[in-house]
Amino acid sequence: MNIKEHYSFMARLYFHQSILFTVVFTVIILPNVKKADFFLSNMAGLAVFLSMVYFVLRFLYFSYKGSAVSMILSNGLMAENNETLLLIPSHNANCLMEAYSSDGIRQLSILIVKGRERRAHLKYYELGKRGRLVKINEHGIGTTAYMHIDHGGITFITAKKKLPVIINTRGGKSLSFIVGPDHFEVKKPYSDRVLMKNGRTVMTIKRGLMPIKWQQYFSPNTPLLKMDSGLSKHERSLCLCLLTLF
């Protein structure tokens, strides 16, 4: 999936919603302005009208963004490096995080596992029947790891091993974990996230640091995910999971 498809989906969604509210405003609200209670009918009409305008503006916004990123894909504009990704809100309710490279390709996602897939994996990894299960998908690789969260604790799972994730300390703006021999700490300065491994910063999520040449295609306030290039595939998956816990 690429970001153009995401923007196209959102544009269609808001287009359908704008049509719905336009029909409601035209067919129901306007004919009853004089018949119903003046105050209530006008308040309802105002609410529907403002919603209609909002959905139209969102439709135009995502249509414009879809056209802009089409230029990226057609011109072959590639990311400056593979360790800097853009976090774009997903239309999938089960998605905790989606990250795209600046060429518009979705590079990774963190998804809540539900239904038959969840039951099968809980049984396979002997995790019981309760708790939330999330998985990390990477472009070109597939599922790289799982994390199971319940009242009994947190477990990080790869194809070869299961590691307990122990919450060490908890503060208002920080949360630390012990995973195997390593110590991790997630800090939350303002709206950003900083993840440290054994005292060294390995992953950050920050706003307002958009490269200038990206700003013509993406909002300058789009969160940027930066990862240490020395992280292995499983370390990267673990760090992403830890970021979602805080």
Protein backbone atom coordinates (compact mmCIF):
# COMPACT_ATOMS: atom_id res chain seq x y z
CA MET A 1 0.00 0.00 0.00
CA ASN A 2 1.20 3.54 -0.72
CA ILE A 3 0.16 6.87 0.72
CA LYS A 4 -1.71 7.81 -2.47
CA GLU A 5 -4.13 4.93 -1.85
CA HIS A 6 -4.54 6.10 1.75
CA TYR A 7 -5.35 9.66 0.68
CA SER A 8 -7.72 8.38 -2.03
CA PHE A 9 -9.58 6.27 0.53
CA MET A 10 -9.92 9.22 2.91
CA ALA A 11 -11.09 11.51 0.08
CA ARG A 12 -13.81 9.01 -0.90
CA LEU A 13 -14.86 8.63 2.74
CA TYR A 14 -15.29 12.37 3.26
CA PHE A 15 -16.95 12.74 -0.16
CA HIS A 16 -19.64 10.22 0.81
CA GLN A 17 -20.11 11.88 4.20
CA SER A 18 -20.44 15.32 2.62
CA ILE A 19 -23.10 13.98 0.24
CA LEU A 20 -24.98 12.41 3.14
CA PHE A 21 -25.03 15.63 5.17
CA THR A 22 -25.97 17.67 2.09
CA VAL A 23 -28.97 15.40 1.51
CA VAL A 24 -29.98 15.61 5.18
CA PHE A 25 -29.68 19.41 5.14
CA THR A 26 -31.61 19.79 1.88
CA VAL A 27 -34.33 17.17 2.36
CA ILE A 28 -34.94 17.28 6.12
CA ILE A 29 -33.63 20.49 7.68
CA LEU A 30 -34.62 23.15 5.13
CA PRO A 31 -38.26 22.03 4.66
CA ASN A 32 -38.81 22.02 8.43
CA VAL A 33 -37.25 25.36 9.31
CA LYS A 34 -40.64 27.10 9.52
CA LYS A 35 -42.67 24.11 10.71
CA ALA A 36 -40.68 23.05 13.75
CA ASP A 37 -39.53 24.94 16.81
CA PHE A 38 -37.48 27.88 15.55
CA PHE A 39 -34.60 27.52 18.00
CA LEU A 40 -34.25 23.74 17.76
CA SER A 41 -34.58 23.65 13.99
CA ASN A 42 -32.00 26.38 13.54
CA MET A 43 -29.55 24.76 15.95
CA ALA A 44 -29.96 21.41 14.18
CA GLY A 45 -29.63 23.10 10.81
CA LEU A 46 -26.48 24.93 11.89
CA ALA A 47 -24.92 21.72 13.22
CA VAL A 48 -25.67 19.81 10.01
CA PHE A 49 -24.48 22.71 7.84
CA LEU A 50 -21.17 23.05 9.72
CA SER A 51 -20.64 19.29 9.51
CA MET A 52 -21.34 19.42 5.78
CA VAL A 53 -18.79 22.21 5.30
CA TYR A 54 -16.22 20.33 7.41
CA PHE A 55 -16.56 17.13 5.37
CA VAL A 56 -16.32 19.06 2.09
CA LEU A 57 -13.12 20.77 3.26
CA ARG A 58 -11.65 17.43 4.37
CA PHE A 59 -12.55 15.93 1.00
CA LEU A 60 -10.77 18.79 -0.78
CA TYR A 61 -7.76 18.46 1.54
CA PHE A 62 -7.25 14.74 0.92
CA SER A 63 -7.91 15.17 -2.81
CA TYR A 64 -5.16 17.79 -2.92
CA LYS A 65 -2.80 15.59 -0.90
CA GLY A 66 -3.52 12.66 -3.20
CA SER A 67 -2.59 14.77 -6.22
CA ALA A 68 0.57 16.02 -4.51
CA VAL A 69 1.89 12.58 -3.59
CA SER A 70 1.14 11.36 -7.12
CA MET A 71 3.99 13.64 -8.17
CA ILE A 72 6.28 11.85 -5.72
CA LEU A 73 5.45 8.43 -7.13
CA SER A 74 5.61 9.51 -10.77
CA ASN A 75 8.89 11.41 -10.31
CA GLY A 76 10.49 8.69 -8.22
CA LEU A 77 11.37 10.98 -5.31
CA MET A 78 12.97 8.71 -2.70
CA ALA A 79 13.48 9.16 1.01
CA GLU A 80 16.65 10.86 2.18
CA ASN A 81 17.42 7.82 4.33
CA ASN A 82 15.71 4.63 5.39
CA GLU A 83 15.75 5.60 9.07
CA THR A 84 13.37 8.57 8.78
CA LEU A 85 9.68 7.79 8.25
CA LEU A 86 6.44 9.76 8.39
CA LEU A 87 3.65 8.72 10.76
CA ILE A 88 0.31 9.10 8.97
CA PRO A 89 -3.01 8.47 10.80
CA SER A 90 -4.56 5.25 9.51
CA HIS A 91 -8.17 4.71 8.41
CA ASN A 92 -7.89 1.20 9.89
CA ALA A 93 -9.36 1.20 13.41
CA ASN A 94 -7.10 -1.74 14.35
CA CYS A 95 -3.91 0.08 13.36
CA LEU A 96 -1.85 1.65 16.17
CA MET A 97 0.83 3.09 13.90
CA GLU A 98 1.58 3.42 10.18
CA ALA A 99 4.89 4.76 8.91
CA TYR A 100 5.67 5.82 5.35
CA SER A 101 8.89 6.71 3.60
CA SER A 102 8.87 10.01 1.70
CA ASP A 103 8.32 8.20 -1.61
CA GLY A 104 4.82 7.36 -0.32
CA ILE A 105 5.37 3.66 0.40
CA ARG A 106 4.12 2.25 3.69
CA GLN A 107 7.19 0.75 5.34
CA LEU A 108 5.73 -0.58 8.58
CA SER A 109 2.55 -0.84 10.59
CA ILE A 110 1.54 -1.98 14.07
CA LEU A 111 -1.82 -3.73 14.13
CA ILE A 112 -4.13 -5.11 16.81
CA VAL A 113 -4.70 -8.80 16.06
CA LYS A 114 -8.30 -9.95 16.42
CA GLY A 115 -10.62 -12.85 15.68
CA ARG A 116 -9.42 -16.21 14.42
CA GLU A 117 -5.85 -15.01 13.88
CA ARG A 118 -5.63 -13.83 17.48
CA ARG A 119 -7.00 -17.08 18.91
CA ALA A 120 -4.65 -19.15 16.75
CA HIS A 121 -1.53 -17.22 17.81
CA LEU A 122 -2.47 -17.13 21.49
CA LYS A 123 -2.80 -20.91 21.39
CA TYR A 124 0.38 -21.43 19.33
CA TYR A 125 2.53 -19.30 21.65
CA GLU A 126 0.80 -20.66 24.78
CA LEU A 127 -0.35 -17.22 25.94
CA GLY A 128 -3.73 -18.20 27.33
CA LYS A 129 -7.02 -16.77 26.08
CA ARG A 130 -6.93 -13.21 27.39
CA GLY A 131 -5.04 -10.02 26.67
CA ARG A 132 -4.31 -7.87 23.65
CA LEU A 133 -2.09 -9.09 20.84
CA VAL A 134 -0.37 -6.72 18.42
CA LYS A 135 1.85 -7.46 15.45
CA ILE A 136 4.49 -5.54 13.53
CA ASN A 137 4.44 -5.71 9.73
CA GLU A 138 7.32 -4.43 7.60
CA HIS A 139 7.18 -3.74 3.86
CA GLY A 140 8.80 -6.55 1.90
CA ILE A 141 9.27 -8.71 5.00
CA GLY A 142 5.84 -9.37 6.49
CA THR A 143 5.17 -9.91 10.19
CA THR A 144 8.39 -9.56 12.18
CA ALA A 145 7.15 -9.87 15.77
CA TYR A 146 4.20 -9.89 18.16
CA MET A 147 3.58 -8.38 21.57
CA HIS A 148 1.08 -9.80 24.06
CA ILE A 149 -0.27 -7.54 26.81
CA ASP A 150 -2.47 -8.66 29.70
CA HIS A 151 -2.77 -8.29 33.47
CA GLY A 152 -0.13 -10.97 33.96
CA GLY A 153 2.55 -9.06 32.09
CA ILE A 154 3.91 -8.19 28.67
CA THR A 155 5.61 -10.63 26.30
CA PHE A 156 7.57 -9.81 23.14
CA ILE A 157 7.50 -12.66 20.62
CA THR A 158 9.63 -13.39 17.57
CA ALA A 159 9.81 -16.51 15.43
CA LYS A 160 12.52 -17.96 17.67
CA LYS A 161 11.88 -16.72 21.20
CA LYS A 162 9.58 -15.13 23.76
CA LEU A 163 10.93 -12.36 25.96
CA PRO A 164 9.19 -11.00 29.07
CA VAL A 165 8.93 -7.20 29.13
CA ILE A 166 9.19 -6.00 32.73
CA ILE A 167 7.98 -2.51 33.61
CA ASN A 168 10.75 -1.19 35.85
CA THR A 169 9.69 2.34 36.78
CA ARG A 170 6.77 4.53 35.84
CA GLY A 171 6.63 8.33 35.98
CA GLY A 172 4.48 11.11 34.61
CA LYS A 173 6.70 11.64 31.57
CA SER A 174 8.76 8.45 31.45
CA LEU A 175 8.39 4.69 31.52
CA SER A 176 11.25 2.20 31.74
CA PHE A 177 11.43 -1.49 30.88
CA ILE A 178 13.80 -4.40 31.31
CA VAL A 179 13.88 -6.80 28.37
CA GLY A 180 16.44 -9.56 28.77
CA PRO A 181 19.81 -7.95 29.60
CA ASP A 182 18.79 -4.54 28.24
CA HIS A 183 17.23 -1.50 29.88
CA PHE A 184 14.83 0.66 27.85
CA GLU A 185 13.29 3.99 28.76
CA VAL A 186 10.56 5.91 26.94
CA LYS A 187 10.51 9.64 27.65
CA LYS A 188 7.67 11.97 26.75
CA PRO A 189 8.85 15.57 26.43
CA TYR A 190 5.74 17.51 25.38
CA SER A 191 4.13 15.68 22.39
CA ASP A 192 7.34 13.87 21.37
CA ARG A 193 8.62 10.41 22.25
CA VAL A 194 12.23 9.41 22.90
CA LEU A 195 13.26 5.77 23.35
CA MET A 196 16.62 4.98 24.92
CA LYS A 197 18.35 1.62 25.09
CA ASN A 198 20.98 1.29 27.81
CA GLY A 199 21.26 5.07 27.97
CA ARG A 200 21.57 5.62 24.20
CA THR A 201 18.80 7.14 22.06
CA VAL A 202 17.70 4.61 19.42
CA MET A 203 14.28 5.88 18.30
CA THR A 204 12.36 9.16 18.39
CA ILE A 205 8.99 10.52 17.32
CA LYS A 206 9.05 14.29 16.84
CA ARG A 207 6.95 17.00 15.20
CA GLY A 208 8.03 20.17 13.45
CA LEU A 209 11.28 18.77 12.01
CA MET A 210 10.06 18.08 8.47
CA PRO A 211 12.82 18.36 5.82
CA ILE A 212 12.15 21.41 3.65
CA LYS A 213 11.82 19.49 0.38
CA TRP A 214 9.20 17.19 1.97
CA GLN A 215 6.99 20.07 3.11
CA GLN A 216 5.49 20.62 -0.35
CA TYR A 217 3.97 17.13 -0.16
CA PHE A 218 3.32 16.59 3.58
CA SER A 219 2.13 18.73 6.47
CA PRO A 220 5.10 20.34 8.29
CA ASN A 221 3.59 19.10 11.55
CA THR A 222 3.54 15.44 10.46
CA PRO A 223 5.30 13.33 13.15
CA LEU A 224 8.65 11.92 12.04
CA LEU A 225 9.86 8.53 13.25
CA LYS A 226 13.66 8.30 13.35
CA MET A 227 15.43 5.01 14.03
CA ASP A 228 19.04 4.17 14.76
CA SER A 229 20.58 2.51 11.70
CA GLY A 230 22.31 -0.04 13.92
CA LEU A 231 19.08 -1.66 15.13
CA SER A 232 18.43 -5.21 13.99
CA LYS A 233 15.05 -6.24 12.62
CA HIS A 234 13.91 -7.66 15.95
CA GLU A 235 15.34 -4.74 17.95
CA ARG A 236 13.44 -2.36 15.69
CA SER A 237 10.22 -4.30 16.23
CA LEU A 238 10.73 -4.33 20.00
CA CYS A 239 11.38 -0.58 20.10
CA LEU A 240 8.25 0.12 18.06
CA CYS A 241 6.16 -1.98 20.44
CA LEU A 242 7.59 -0.20 23.48
CA LEU A 243 6.70 3.19 21.98
CA THR A 244 3.06 2.13 21.70
CA LEU A 245 2.95 1.27 25.42
CA PHE A 246 3.38 4.91 26.47
